[in-house]
C-alpha atoms as a PDB file:
ATOM      1  CA  GLY A   1     -53.661 -14.113  10.252  1.00  0.00           C
ATOM      2  CA  TYR A   2     -51.302 -12.792   7.623  1.00  0.00           C
ATOM      3  CA  GLY A   3     -48.162 -13.777   9.492  1.00  0.00           C
ATOM      4  CA  HIS A   4     -46.510 -10.400   9.025  1.00  0.00           C
ATOM      5  CA  ASN A   5     -43.392  -9.842  11.174  1.00  0.00           C
ATOM      6  CA  ASP A   6     -43.543 -13.389  12.539  1.00  0.00           C
ATOM      7  CA  LEU A   7     -40.286 -13.701  14.486  1.00  0.00           C
ATOM      8  CA  GLY A   8     -40.720 -17.441  14.974  1.00  0.00           C
ATOM      9  CA  ARG A   9     -41.089 -18.048  11.246  1.00  0.00           C
ATOM     10  CA  ASP A  10     -38.175 -15.775  10.382  1.00  0.00           C
ATOM     11  CA  THR A  11     -35.940 -17.480  12.956  1.00  0.00           C
ATOM     12  CA  LEU A  12     -36.941 -20.901  11.624  1.00  0.00           C
ATOM     13  CA  ASP A  13     -35.988 -19.764   8.122  1.00  0.00           C
ATOM     14  CA  ARG A  14     -32.558 -18.634   9.322  1.00  0.00           C
ATOM     15  CA  VAL A  15     -31.925 -21.899  11.172  1.00  0.00           C
ATOM     16  CA  PHE A  16     -32.842 -23.968   8.100  1.00  0.00           C
ATOM     17  CA  ALA A  17     -30.654 -21.761   5.902  1.00  0.00           C
ATOM     18  CA  ARG A  18     -27.710 -22.378   8.215  1.00  0.00           C
ATOM     19  CA  VAL A  19     -28.302 -26.144   8.309  1.00  0.00           C
ATOM     20  CA  LEU A  20     -28.573 -26.302   4.510  1.00  0.00           C
ATOM     21  CA  GLY A  21     -25.632 -23.983   3.817  1.00  0.00           C
ATOM     22  CA  ALA A  22     -27.843 -21.507   1.969  1.00  0.00           C
ATOM     23  CA  GLU A  23     -28.113 -17.713   1.844  1.00  0.00           C
ATOM     24  CA  LYS A  24     -31.812 -17.927   2.615  1.00  0.00           C
ATOM     25  CA  ALA A  25     -34.511 -20.499   3.281  1.00  0.00           C
ATOM     26  CA  ALA A  26     -38.290 -20.363   3.402  1.00  0.00           C
ATOM     27  CA  VAL A  27     -39.929 -23.079   5.511  1.00  0.00           C
ATOM     28  CA  ARG A  28     -43.687 -23.078   5.108  1.00  0.00           C
ATOM     29  CA  LEU A  29     -46.570 -25.260   6.202  1.00  0.00           C
ATOM     30  CA  GLN A  30     -48.409 -23.864   3.175  1.00  0.00           C
ATOM     31  CA  PHE A  31     -46.327 -26.145   0.941  1.00  0.00           C
ATOM     32  CA  VAL A  32     -48.518 -29.247   0.772  1.00  0.00           C
ATOM     33  CA  SER A  33     -45.717 -31.507  -0.487  1.00  0.00           C
ATOM     34  CA  GLY A  34     -42.219 -31.592  -1.890  1.00  0.00           C
ATOM     35  CA  THR A  35     -43.724 -31.437  -5.380  1.00  0.00           C
ATOM     36  CA  HIS A  36     -45.518 -28.225  -4.406  1.00  0.00           C
ATOM     37  CA  ALA A  37     -42.268 -26.643  -3.170  1.00  0.00           C
ATOM     38  CA  ILE A  38     -40.463 -27.697  -6.358  1.00  0.00           C
ATOM     39  CA  ALA A  39     -43.305 -26.374  -8.528  1.00  0.00           C
ATOM     40  CA  ALA A  40     -43.230 -23.026  -6.703  1.00  0.00           C
ATOM     41  CA  ALA A  41     -39.505 -22.772  -7.410  1.00  0.00           C
ATOM     42  CA  LEU A  42     -39.941 -23.665 -11.086  1.00  0.00           C
ATOM     43  CA  PHE A  43     -42.816 -21.257 -11.686  1.00  0.00           C
ATOM     44  CA  GLY A  44     -41.202 -18.583  -9.523  1.00  0.00           C
ATOM     45  CA  VAL A  45     -37.893 -18.486 -11.393  1.00  0.00           C
ATOM     46  CA  LEU A  46     -38.782 -19.445 -14.975  1.00  0.00           C
ATOM     47  CA  ARG A  47     -40.438 -17.056 -17.433  1.00  0.00           C
ATOM     48  CA  PRO A  48     -42.125 -17.556 -20.836  1.00  0.00           C
ATOM     49  CA  GLY A  49     -39.485 -18.340 -23.437  1.00  0.00           C
ATOM     50  CA  ASP A  50     -37.057 -19.851 -20.913  1.00  0.00           C
ATOM     51  CA  ARG A  51     -35.643 -23.350 -21.279  1.00  0.00           C
ATOM     52  CA  LEU A  52     -35.531 -25.980 -18.524  1.00  0.00           C
ATOM     53  CA  LEU A  53     -33.147 -28.931 -18.854  1.00  0.00           C
ATOM     54  CA  SER A  54     -33.240 -32.022 -16.633  1.00  0.00           C
ATOM     55  CA  LEU A  55     -29.757 -33.496 -16.215  1.00  0.00           C
ATOM     56  CA  THR A  56     -30.993 -36.678 -14.512  1.00  0.00           C
ATOM     57  CA  GLY A  57     -33.359 -38.003 -17.158  1.00  0.00           C
ATOM     58  CA  ARG A  58     -37.107 -38.075 -16.642  1.00  0.00           C
ATOM     59  CA  PRO A  59     -38.056 -36.399 -13.333  1.00  0.00           C
ATOM     60  CA  TYR A  60     -40.224 -37.935 -10.633  1.00  0.00           C
ATOM     61  CA  ASP A  61     -43.759 -38.819 -11.733  1.00  0.00           C
ATOM     62  CA  THR A  62     -45.495 -35.932  -9.960  1.00  0.00           C
ATOM     63  CA  LEU A  63     -43.390 -33.368 -11.830  1.00  0.00           C
ATOM     64  CA  GLU A  64     -44.436 -34.601 -15.268  1.00  0.00           C
ATOM     65  CA  GLU A  65     -47.711 -32.689 -15.189  1.00  0.00           C
ATOM     66  CA  VAL A  66     -46.008 -29.667 -13.621  1.00  0.00           C
ATOM     67  CA  ILE A  67     -43.558 -29.527 -16.526  1.00  0.00           C
ATOM     68  CA  GLY A  68     -46.114 -30.503 -19.157  1.00  0.00           C
ATOM     69  CA  VAL A  69     -44.740 -33.783 -20.505  1.00  0.00           C
ATOM     70  CA  ARG A  70     -48.011 -35.421 -19.431  1.00  0.00           C
ATOM     71  CA  GLY A  71     -51.515 -33.998 -19.102  1.00  0.00           C
ATOM     72  CA  GLN A  72     -52.896 -30.724 -20.379  1.00  0.00           C
ATOM     73  CA  GLY A  73     -55.145 -27.852 -19.423  1.00  0.00           C
ATOM     74  CA  GLN A  74     -53.788 -27.465 -15.885  1.00  0.00           C
ATOM     75  CA  GLY A  75     -51.364 -24.583 -16.389  1.00  0.00           C
ATOM     76  CA  SER A  76     -48.105 -26.498 -16.783  1.00  0.00           C
ATOM     77  CA  LEU A  77     -44.776 -24.868 -17.589  1.00  0.00           C
ATOM     78  CA  ALA A  78     -45.253 -25.888 -21.225  1.00  0.00           C
ATOM     79  CA  GLU A  79     -48.587 -24.063 -21.358  1.00  0.00           C
ATOM     80  CA  PHE A  80     -46.807 -20.910 -20.180  1.00  0.00           C
ATOM     81  CA  GLY A  81     -44.306 -21.123 -23.015  1.00  0.00           C
ATOM     82  CA  ILE A  82     -41.403 -22.664 -21.099  1.00  0.00           C
ATOM     83  CA  SER A  83     -39.575 -25.287 -23.139  1.00  0.00           C
ATOM     84  CA  TYR A  84     -38.250 -28.482 -21.634  1.00  0.00           C
ATOM     85  CA  ALA A  85     -35.556 -30.988 -22.541  1.00  0.00           C
ATOM     86  CA  GLU A  86     -33.891 -33.812 -20.690  1.00  0.00           C
ATOM     87  CA  LEU A  87     -30.487 -35.449 -20.869  1.00  0.00           C
ATOM     88  CA  PRO A  88     -31.075 -39.221 -20.809  1.00  0.00           C
ATOM     89  CA  LEU A  89     -29.125 -41.202 -18.261  1.00  0.00           C
ATOM     90  CA  THR A  90     -26.478 -43.671 -19.358  1.00  0.00           C
ATOM     91  CA  ALA A  91     -27.161 -47.416 -19.390  1.00  0.00           C
ATOM     92  CA  ALA A  92     -25.645 -47.552 -15.895  1.00  0.00           C
ATOM     93  CA  GLY A  93     -28.090 -44.917 -14.641  1.00  0.00           C
ATOM     94  CA  ALA A  94     -25.481 -42.158 -14.380  1.00  0.00           C
ATOM     95  CA  VAL A  95     -25.578 -38.588 -15.670  1.00  0.00           C
ATOM     96  CA  ASP A  96     -24.282 -38.482 -19.246  1.00  0.00           C
ATOM     97  CA  GLY A  97     -21.248 -36.263 -18.768  1.00  0.00           C
ATOM     98  CA  ALA A  98     -20.178 -36.724 -22.380  1.00  0.00           C
ATOM     99  CA  GLY A  99     -23.496 -35.370 -23.644  1.00  0.00           C
ATOM    100  CA  LEU A 100     -23.735 -32.450 -21.234  1.00  0.00           C
ATOM    101  CA  ALA A 101     -22.092 -29.826 -23.443  1.00  0.00           C
ATOM    102  CA  GLU A 102     -24.374 -30.631 -26.374  1.00  0.00           C
ATOM    103  CA  ALA A 103     -27.469 -30.606 -24.145  1.00  0.00           C
ATOM    104  CA  LEU A 104     -26.476 -27.173 -22.838  1.00  0.00           C
ATOM    105  CA  ALA A 105     -25.693 -25.726 -26.268  1.00  0.00           C
ATOM    106  CA  PRO A 106     -29.044 -23.848 -26.471  1.00  0.00           C
ATOM    107  CA  PRO A 107     -29.531 -20.961 -24.007  1.00  0.00           C
ATOM    108  CA  THR A 108     -30.867 -22.530 -20.811  1.00  0.00           C
ATOM    109  CA  ARG A 109     -32.305 -20.652 -17.846  1.00  0.00           C
ATOM    110  CA  MET A 110     -32.337 -23.590 -15.420  1.00  0.00           C
ATOM    111  CA  VAL A 111     -31.062 -27.131 -15.055  1.00  0.00           C
ATOM    112  CA  LEU A 112     -32.905 -29.559 -12.794  1.00  0.00           C
ATOM    113  CA  ILE A 113     -31.020 -32.239 -10.864  1.00  0.00           C
ATOM    114  CA  GLN A 114     -32.962 -34.915  -8.996  1.00  0.00           C
ATOM    115  CA  ARG A 115     -30.756 -36.101  -6.152  1.00  0.00           C
ATOM    116  CA  SER A 116     -32.810 -39.182  -5.286  1.00  0.00           C
ATOM    117  CA  CYS A 117     -33.575 -42.050  -7.633  1.00  0.00           C
ATOM    118  CA  GLY A 118     -37.300 -41.319  -7.312  1.00  0.00           C
ATOM    119  CA  TYR A 119     -39.237 -44.152  -8.958  1.00  0.00           C
ATOM    120  CA  SER A 120     -36.341 -45.007 -11.294  1.00  0.00           C
ATOM    121  CA  TRP A 121     -33.968 -47.949 -11.085  1.00  0.00           C
ATOM    122  CA  ARG A 122     -30.785 -45.900 -10.860  1.00  0.00           C
ATOM    123  CA  PRO A 123     -28.236 -44.839  -8.249  1.00  0.00           C
ATOM    124  CA  SER A 124     -29.064 -41.674  -6.357  1.00  0.00           C
ATOM    125  CA  LEU A 125     -26.684 -38.778  -6.927  1.00  0.00           C
ATOM    126  CA  PRO A 126     -24.038 -38.010  -4.257  1.00  0.00           C
ATOM    127  CA  VAL A 127     -23.438 -34.404  -3.258  1.00  0.00           C
ATOM    128  CA  ALA A 128     -19.900 -34.516  -4.665  1.00  0.00           C
ATOM    129  CA  SER A 129     -21.309 -35.494  -8.071  1.00  0.00           C
ATOM    130  CA  ILE A 130     -23.823 -32.647  -7.842  1.00  0.00           C
ATOM    131  CA  GLY A 131     -20.920 -30.300  -7.137  1.00  0.00           C
ATOM    132  CA  ARG A 132     -19.068 -31.457 -10.247  1.00  0.00           C
ATOM    133  CA  LEU A 133     -22.209 -30.964 -12.337  1.00  0.00           C
ATOM    134  CA  CYS A 134     -22.633 -27.446 -10.930  1.00  0.00           C
ATOM    135  CA  GLU A 135     -19.072 -26.619 -11.932  1.00  0.00           C
ATOM    136  CA  ARG A 136     -19.550 -27.913 -15.472  1.00  0.00           C
ATOM    137  CA  VAL A 137     -22.887 -26.158 -15.942  1.00  0.00           C
ATOM    138  CA  LYS A 138     -21.485 -22.829 -14.746  1.00  0.00           C
ATOM    139  CA  GLY A 139     -18.492 -23.273 -17.035  1.00  0.00           C
ATOM    140  CA  LEU A 140     -20.769 -23.740 -20.038  1.00  0.00           C
ATOM    141  CA  GLN A 141     -23.512 -21.251 -19.096  1.00  0.00           C
ATOM    142  CA  PRO A 142     -22.534 -19.021 -16.150  1.00  0.00           C
ATOM    143  CA  GLY A 143     -26.014 -17.518 -15.799  1.00  0.00           C
ATOM    144  CA  CYS A 144     -27.857 -20.843 -15.691  1.00  0.00           C
ATOM    145  CA  VAL A 145     -29.640 -21.627 -12.408  1.00  0.00           C
ATOM    146  CA  VAL A 146     -28.802 -25.042 -10.933  1.00  0.00           C
ATOM    147  CA  PHE A 147     -31.891 -26.312  -9.109  1.00  0.00           C
ATOM    148  CA  VAL A 148     -31.742 -29.526  -7.056  1.00  0.00           C
ATOM    149  CA  ASP A 149     -34.713 -31.617  -5.974  1.00  0.00           C
ATOM    150  CA  ASN A 150     -33.278 -32.452  -2.545  1.00  0.00           C
ATOM    151  CA  CYS A 151     -36.067 -34.765  -1.342  1.00  0.00           C
ATOM    152  CA  TYR A 152     -34.857 -37.705   0.789  1.00  0.00           C
ATOM    153  CA  GLY A 153     -31.265 -36.429   0.809  1.00  0.00           C
ATOM    154  CA  GLU A 154     -31.106 -33.914   3.653  1.00  0.00           C
ATOM    155  CA  LEU A 155     -28.572 -34.652   6.420  1.00  0.00           C
ATOM    156  CA  VAL A 156     -27.446 -37.932   4.846  1.00  0.00           C
ATOM    157  CA  GLU A 157     -24.076 -36.453   3.850  1.00  0.00           C
ATOM    158  CA  PRO A 158     -21.942 -33.818   5.605  1.00  0.00           C
ATOM    159  CA  LEU A 159     -22.626 -31.224   2.886  1.00  0.00           C
ATOM    160  CA  GLU A 160     -25.809 -30.089   1.163  1.00  0.00           C
ATOM    161  CA  PRO A 161     -26.087 -29.037  -2.519  1.00  0.00           C
ATOM    162  CA  PRO A 162     -25.901 -25.237  -1.875  1.00  0.00           C
ATOM    163  CA  GLN A 163     -22.483 -25.811  -0.302  1.00  0.00           C
ATOM    164  CA  VAL A 164     -21.136 -27.296  -3.548  1.00  0.00           C
ATOM    165  CA  GLY A 165     -22.571 -24.787  -6.006  1.00  0.00           C
ATOM    166  CA  ALA A 166     -26.325 -25.377  -6.324  1.00  0.00           C
ATOM    167  CA  ASP A 167     -28.311 -22.148  -6.598  1.00  0.00           C
ATOM    168  CA  LEU A 168     -31.637 -23.453  -5.303  1.00  0.00           C
ATOM    169  CA  ILE A 169     -32.989 -26.578  -3.600  1.00  0.00           C
ATOM    170  CA  ALA A 170     -36.416 -27.699  -2.422  1.00  0.00           C
ATOM    171  CA  GLY A 171     -37.868 -30.505  -0.352  1.00  0.00           C
ATOM    172  CA  SER A 172     -40.579 -31.767   1.981  1.00  0.00           C
ATOM    173  CA  LEU A 173     -40.940 -31.568   5.757  1.00  0.00           C
ATOM    174  CA  ILE A 174     -42.631 -34.966   5.999  1.00  0.00           C
ATOM    175  CA  LYS A 175     -39.363 -36.442   4.842  1.00  0.00           C
ATOM    176  CA  ASN A 176     -35.938 -36.021   6.455  1.00  0.00           C
ATOM    177  CA  LEU A 177     -35.996 -32.545   7.981  1.00  0.00           C
ATOM    178  CA  GLY A 178     -39.361 -32.942   9.713  1.00  0.00           C
ATOM    179  CA  GLY A 179     -37.951 -35.533  12.100  1.00  0.00           C
ATOM    180  CA  THR A 180     -41.202 -37.586  11.824  1.00  0.00           C
ATOM    181  CA  ILE A 181     -43.216 -34.964  13.747  1.00  0.00           C
ATOM    182  CA  ALA A 182     -43.701 -32.090  11.289  1.00  0.00           C
ATOM    183  CA  PRO A 183     -47.406 -32.283  10.389  1.00  0.00           C
ATOM    184  CA  SER A 184     -46.952 -30.967   6.842  1.00  0.00           C
ATOM    185  CA  GLY A 185     -44.935 -28.463   4.845  1.00  0.00           C
ATOM    186  CA  GLY A 186     -41.902 -27.982   2.666  1.00  0.00           C
ATOM    187  CA  TYR A 187     -38.989 -25.653   2.085  1.00  0.00           C
ATOM    188  CA  VAL A 188     -36.975 -23.848  -0.549  1.00  0.00           C
ATOM    189  CA  ALA A 189     -33.398 -22.727   0.104  1.00  0.00           C
ATOM    190  CA  GLY A 190     -30.499 -21.232  -1.790  1.00  0.00           C
ATOM    191  CA  LYS A 191     -29.657 -17.818  -3.157  1.00  0.00           C
ATOM    192  CA  ALA A 192     -31.813 -15.159  -1.541  1.00  0.00           C
ATOM    193  CA  GLU A 193     -33.183 -13.731  -4.795  1.00  0.00           C
ATOM    194  CA  LEU A 194     -34.279 -17.144  -6.080  1.00  0.00           C
ATOM    195  CA  VAL A 195     -35.869 -18.155  -2.773  1.00  0.00           C
ATOM    196  CA  GLU A 196     -37.854 -14.921  -2.780  1.00  0.00           C
ATOM    197  CA  GLN A 197     -39.030 -15.579  -6.342  1.00  0.00           C
ATOM    198  CA  ALA A 198     -40.275 -19.020  -5.278  1.00  0.00           C
ATOM    199  CA  CYS A 199     -42.090 -17.442  -2.321  1.00  0.00           C
ATOM    200  CA  CYS A 200     -43.742 -14.924  -4.648  1.00  0.00           C
ATOM    201  CA  ARG A 201     -45.202 -17.903  -6.475  1.00  0.00           C
ATOM    202  CA  LEU A 202     -46.347 -19.536  -3.222  1.00  0.00           C
ATOM    203  CA  THR A 203     -48.050 -16.345  -1.989  1.00  0.00           C
ATOM    204  CA  ALA A 204     -48.168 -13.392  -4.406  1.00  0.00           C
ATOM    205  CA  PRO A 205     -45.807 -10.824  -5.935  1.00  0.00           C
ATOM    206  CA  GLY A 206     -45.197  -8.103  -3.379  1.00  0.00           C
ATOM    207  CA  ILE A 207     -45.853 -10.477  -0.472  1.00  0.00           C
ATOM    208  CA  GLY A 208     -43.330 -13.249  -1.077  1.00  0.00           C
ATOM    209  CA  SER A 209     -41.696 -14.586   2.079  1.00  0.00           C
ATOM    210  CA  GLU A 210     -43.228 -11.875   4.294  1.00  0.00           C
ATOM    211  CA  GLY A 211     -46.597 -13.633   4.501  1.00  0.00           C
ATOM    212  CA  GLY A 212     -47.780 -16.978   5.802  1.00  0.00           C
ATOM    213  CA  SER A 213     -48.862 -17.943   9.292  1.00  0.00           C
ATOM    214  CA  GLY A 214     -47.268 -20.823  11.179  1.00  0.00           C
ATOM    215  CA  PHE A 215     -50.580 -21.718  12.896  1.00  0.00           C
ATOM    216  CA  ASP A 216     -48.751 -21.947  16.249  1.00  0.00           C
ATOM    217  CA  LEU A 217     -46.889 -25.020  14.969  1.00  0.00           C
ATOM    218  CA  HIS A 218     -43.364 -23.630  14.744  1.00  0.00           C
ATOM    219  CA  ARG A 219     -42.362 -25.534  17.873  1.00  0.00           C
ATOM    220  CA  LEU A 220     -43.012 -28.811  16.045  1.00  0.00           C
ATOM    221  CA  LEU A 221     -40.871 -27.680  13.117  1.00  0.00           C
ATOM    222  CA  PHE A 222     -37.991 -26.650  15.372  1.00  0.00           C
ATOM    223  CA  GLN A 223     -38.286 -29.881  17.337  1.00  0.00           C
ATOM    224  CA  GLY A 224     -38.559 -31.931  14.155  1.00  0.00           C
ATOM    225  CA  LEU A 225     -35.364 -30.388  12.836  1.00  0.00           C
ATOM    226  CA  PHE A 226     -33.675 -31.094  16.180  1.00  0.00           C
ATOM    227  CA  LEU A 227     -34.710 -34.765  15.948  1.00  0.00           C
ATOM    228  CA  ALA A 228     -33.979 -35.084  12.227  1.00  0.00           C
ATOM    229  CA  PRO A 229     -30.326 -36.238  12.468  1.00  0.00           C
ATOM    230  CA  GLN A 230     -31.325 -39.127  14.742  1.00  0.00           C
ATOM    231  CA  MET A 231     -34.273 -40.085  12.537  1.00  0.00           C
ATOM    232  CA  VAL A 232     -32.149 -39.935   9.383  1.00  0.00           C
ATOM    233  CA  ALA A 233     -29.500 -42.137  11.019  1.00  0.00           C
ATOM    234  CA  GLU A 234     -32.123 -44.700  12.028  1.00  0.00           C
ATOM    235  CA  SER A 235     -33.588 -44.627   8.519  1.00  0.00           C
ATOM    236  CA  LEU A 236     -30.171 -45.333   7.015  1.00  0.00           C
ATOM    237  CA  ILE A 237     -29.704 -48.311   9.339  1.00  0.00           C
ATOM    238  CA  CYS A 238     -33.145 -49.583   8.369  1.00  0.00           C
ATOM    239  CA  ALA A 239     -32.422 -49.139   4.646  1.00  0.00           C
ATOM    240  CA  ASP A 240     -29.248 -51.191   4.960  1.00  0.00           C
ATOM    241  CA  LEU A 241     -31.158 -53.919   6.794  1.00  0.00           C
ATOM    242  CA  VAL A 242     -33.807 -54.035   4.050  1.00  0.00           C
ATOM    243  CA  ALA A 243     -31.052 -54.235   1.422  1.00  0.00           C
ATOM    244  CA  GLN A 244     -29.362 -57.141   3.198  1.00  0.00           C
ATOM    245  CA  VAL A 245     -32.573 -59.104   3.802  1.00  0.00           C
ATOM    246  CA  PHE A 246     -33.672 -59.001   0.173  1.00  0.00           C
ATOM    247  CA  ALA A 247     -30.170 -59.399  -1.278  1.00  0.00           C
ATOM    248  CA  ASP A 248     -29.811 -62.582   0.781  1.00  0.00           C
ATOM    249  CA  ARG A 249     -32.910 -63.854  -1.019  1.00  0.00           C
ATOM    250  CA  GLY A 250     -31.346 -63.296  -4.409  1.00  0.00           C
ATOM    251  CA  LEU A 251     -33.188 -60.114  -5.354  1.00  0.00           C
ATOM    252  CA  ALA A 252     -31.543 -57.121  -7.001  1.00  0.00           C
ATOM    253  CA  VAL A 253     -31.241 -54.210  -4.576  1.00  0.00           C
ATOM    254  CA  GLN A 254     -30.030 -50.649  -4.941  1.00  0.00           C
ATOM    255  CA  PRO A 255     -27.922 -49.488  -3.144  1.00  0.00           C
ATOM    256  CA  LEU A 256     -26.135 -52.681  -2.142  1.00  0.00           C
ATOM    257  CA  PRO A 257     -25.807 -53.529   1.562  1.00  0.00           C
ATOM    258  CA  GLY A 258     -23.008 -51.528   3.141  1.00  0.00           C
ATOM    259  CA  ALA A 259     -22.747 -49.083   0.244  1.00  0.00           C
ATOM    260  CA  GLU A 260     -22.312 -45.337   0.681  1.00  0.00           C
ATOM    261  CA  ARG A 261     -25.676 -43.576   0.630  1.00  0.00           C
ATOM    262  CA  THR A 262     -26.837 -40.104  -0.356  1.00  0.00           C
ATOM    263  CA  ASP A 263     -30.536 -40.522   0.455  1.00  0.00           C
ATOM    264  CA  LEU A 264     -32.922 -42.707   2.462  1.00  0.00           C
ATOM    265  CA  ILE A 265     -34.329 -44.742  -0.423  1.00  0.00           C
ATOM    266  CA  GLN A 266     -33.787 -48.482  -0.672  1.00  0.00           C
ATOM    267  CA  ALA A 267     -34.977 -50.072  -3.904  1.00  0.00           C
ATOM    268  CA  VAL A 268     -35.753 -53.784  -4.335  1.00  0.00           C
ATOM    269  CA  ARG A 269     -36.557 -55.132  -7.799  1.00  0.00           C
ATOM    270  CA  PHE A 270     -39.131 -57.941  -7.894  1.00  0.00           C
ATOM    271  CA  GLY A 271     -39.819 -58.109 -11.627  1.00  0.00           C
ATOM    272  CA  GLU A 272     -43.483 -59.042 -11.171  1.00  0.00           C
ATOM    273  CA  PRO A 273     -46.459 -57.364  -9.473  1.00  0.00           C
ATOM    274  CA  ARG A 274     -47.655 -60.065  -7.076  1.00  0.00           C
ATOM    275  CA  ALA A 275     -44.461 -60.136  -4.997  1.00  0.00           C
ATOM    276  CA  LEU A 276     -44.410 -56.333  -4.817  1.00  0.00           C
ATOM    277  CA  GLN A 277     -47.953 -56.296  -3.453  1.00  0.00           C
ATOM    278  CA  GLU A 278     -47.284 -59.104  -0.969  1.00  0.00           C
ATOM    279  CA  VAL A 279     -44.259 -57.342   0.508  1.00  0.00           C
ATOM    280  CA  CYS A 280     -46.230 -54.099   0.804  1.00  0.00           C
ATOM    281  CA  ARG A 281     -48.902 -56.043   2.714  1.00  0.00           C
ATOM    282  CA  ALA A 282     -46.220 -57.298   5.101  1.00  0.00           C
ATOM    283  CA  PHE A 283     -44.905 -53.753   5.630  1.00  0.00           C
ATOM    284  CA  GLN A 284     -48.429 -52.499   6.326  1.00  0.00           C
ATOM    285  CA  ALA A 285     -49.208 -55.332   8.741  1.00  0.00           C
ATOM    286  CA  CYS A 286     -46.173 -54.352  10.843  1.00  0.00           C
ATOM    287  CA  SER A 287     -47.051 -50.651  10.874  1.00  0.00           C
ATOM    288  CA  PRO A 288     -48.101 -48.838  14.068  1.00  0.00           C
ATOM    289  CA  VAL A 289     -51.140 -47.253  12.389  1.00  0.00           C
ATOM    290  CA  GLY A 290     -53.674 -49.111  10.257  1.00  0.00           C
ATOM    291  CA  GLY A 291     -51.898 -52.443  10.422  1.00  0.00           C
ATOM    292  CA  TYR A 292     -55.213 -54.154   9.615  1.00  0.00           C
ATOM    293  CA  VAL A 293     -55.517 -52.328   6.263  1.00  0.00           C
ATOM    294  CA  ASP A 294     -54.807 -54.199   3.034  1.00  0.00           C
ATOM    295  CA  PRO A 295     -52.869 -51.927   0.637  1.00  0.00           C
ATOM    296  CA  VAL A 296     -54.224 -52.397  -2.868  1.00  0.00           C
ATOM    297  CA  PRO A 297     -53.083 -50.765  -6.122  1.00  0.00           C
ATOM    298  CA  ALA A 298     -54.920 -47.520  -6.789  1.00  0.00           C
ATOM    299  CA  PRO A 299     -54.566 -44.282  -8.742  1.00  0.00           C
ATOM    300  CA  MET A 300     -53.017 -41.329  -6.923  1.00  0.00           C
ATOM    301  CA  PRO A 301     -53.042 -37.657  -7.955  1.00  0.00           C
ATOM    302  CA  GLY A 302     -49.972 -36.741  -9.992  1.00  0.00           C
ATOM    303  CA  TYR A 303     -48.896 -40.290 -10.863  1.00  0.00           C
ATOM    304  CA  ALA A 304     -49.132 -41.947 -14.270  1.00  0.00           C
ATOM    305  CA  SER A 305     -49.318 -45.500 -12.877  1.00  0.00           C
ATOM    306  CA  GLU A 306     -51.339 -47.092 -10.127  1.00  0.00           C
ATOM    307  CA  LEU A 307     -49.399 -47.259  -6.860  1.00  0.00           C
ATOM    308  CA  VAL A 308     -49.339 -49.742  -4.029  1.00  0.00           C
ATOM    309  CA  MET A 309     -48.421 -48.000  -0.785  1.00  0.00           C
ATOM    310  CA  ALA A 310     -47.706 -49.396   2.661  1.00  0.00           C
ATOM    311  CA  GLY A 311     -47.856 -46.308   4.822  1.00  0.00           C
ATOM    312  CA  GLY A 312     -49.098 -47.081   8.314  1.00  0.00           C
ATOM    313  CA  THR A 313     -47.621 -43.813   9.565  1.00  0.00           C
ATOM    314  CA  PHE A 314     -48.691 -41.258  12.157  1.00  0.00           C
ATOM    315  CA  ILE A 315     -48.366 -38.478   9.553  1.00  0.00           C
ATOM    316  CA  ASP A 316     -50.214 -39.347   6.346  1.00  0.00           C
ATOM    317  CA  GLY A 317     -47.673 -39.863   3.580  1.00  0.00           C
ATOM    318  CA  SER A 318     -44.687 -39.443   5.884  1.00  0.00           C
ATOM    319  CA  THR A 319     -41.720 -41.215   4.354  1.00  0.00           C
ATOM    320  CA  SER A 320     -39.437 -40.423   7.272  1.00  0.00           C
ATOM    321  CA  GLU A 321     -41.480 -43.098   9.049  1.00  0.00           C
ATOM    322  CA  PHE A 322     -40.997 -46.732   8.014  1.00  0.00           C
ATOM    323  CA  SER A 323     -42.962 -47.237   4.823  1.00  0.00           C
ATOM    324  CA  ALA A 324     -42.783 -48.736   1.347  1.00  0.00           C
ATOM    325  CA  ASP A 325     -44.417 -48.120  -1.998  1.00  0.00           C
ATOM    326  CA  GLY A 326     -44.009 -48.665  -5.696  1.00  0.00           C
ATOM    327  CA  PRO A 327     -45.667 -48.070  -9.060  1.00  0.00           C
ATOM    328  CA  LEU A 328     -47.464 -50.980 -10.699  1.00  0.00           C
ATOM    329  CA  ARG A 329     -45.245 -51.031 -13.774  1.00  0.00           C
ATOM    330  CA  GLU A 330     -42.157 -52.879 -14.912  1.00  0.00           C
ATOM    331  CA  PRO A 331     -39.702 -53.716 -13.449  1.00  0.00           C
ATOM    332  CA  TYR A 332     -41.968 -53.724 -10.342  1.00  0.00           C
ATOM    333  CA  VAL A 333     -39.638 -52.120  -7.831  1.00  0.00           C
ATOM    334  CA  LEU A 334     -40.348 -51.609  -4.139  1.00  0.00           C
ATOM    335  CA  PHE A 335     -39.035 -48.353  -2.684  1.00  0.00           C
ATOM    336  CA  SER A 336     -38.703 -48.418   1.097  1.00  0.00           C
ATOM    337  CA  GLN A 337     -37.724 -45.554   3.357  1.00  0.00           C
ATOM    338  CA  GLY A 338     -37.883 -44.370   6.950  1.00  0.00           C
ATOM    339  CA  GLY A 339     -37.013 -46.178  10.123  1.00  0.00           C
END
C-alpha cells in the first residue's frame, strides 16, 4: 500500500543515517539505480535559475542526460532552466584547487562532487579531500549545497562525506551498502531538509519521505547492511589482486597495487578494444550466473558509448558482486569491482 507509518522503513532510515553520519537518510526500493537517487536529489533541491557546478570534471555518463549536456526533450535540468558548469580536472586527474575560486565566482546553488572515478581515468577522491573541498566551497559561498555522488565509496574509509562537511549524498543499494543481497534500491542522506526535498521529487510534494512501501523486503536491506562491511572488505582485497595481476603484465592500473583506496573500483587501461572484450569474456566465464554467455558490446540506456559488461551476478547489475565493464572508447579501460 502507501507505506504510511511504516516503522520498519523509518527504523531502516535511522540506521542508515547513523552509519553514514547524516541527520537523515531515506532508503527506498523505489530508487531504480544510483543515477535515479542522484537525479531525485538534483531535481529536488535545484530550482529554475539555479546554477550547478561539477568540481570533478564531467560527471558519470548516465548523469549527462539528467543534467542536459547530452540529449534533449526528456526534461533535463537544462530544460528546466538550471544552468550547469564544470571545473575541468588537472592533467593529473585531480580537482583544480587553483581554479576553484574563479569557478565559484557566479552565484551557485549546488556543487557536485563525484567520489568515484566513474568511467574516467583518474584517481577517486578520498574523504579527506572531499572535506577540504567542502571547507573551501563554504568559505567562498556559505549557502552553496555540497552534494556528493557516493557510489562505490560507502564503508571503504572510516568516515563518510556528511561527517566532513557534505550536505547531501546519494548512492545505490546494489553496490556497497546492499551487501550483495539487496534486490534493488538506493538512498539519499544528509541534512534533513535536503533529504526531504529529494524525497518530494521521488514521490510528490506533501508526501515526501512519508510514502513508499518496502514490499516486505526490509529484512533483506537490514541484513545487506549488516553484511556490507565484510563484502566491502572482500571487494577491496579482490581489487588489489586485479591491480597486481595486470600490473605484473605491464598494463597501467589505477589505483596501484597496495595503494590507499576510497572506493571499490579498479581500473585497467588496455588501449585497444579487443583486449578489453577478451578480458570481459574471461570474467563472465568465471561468473556464478550465466558463465556460458558471451558479453558483446551493446548500447545501454543512459550511456553515450557502447558498453561491454561482464556481470554474471545474482542481482542484475550488482557491482558489489565480482564483475567488470567498460565503455568502447579510448583509452579502452576495464573497470572491475566486487568480490
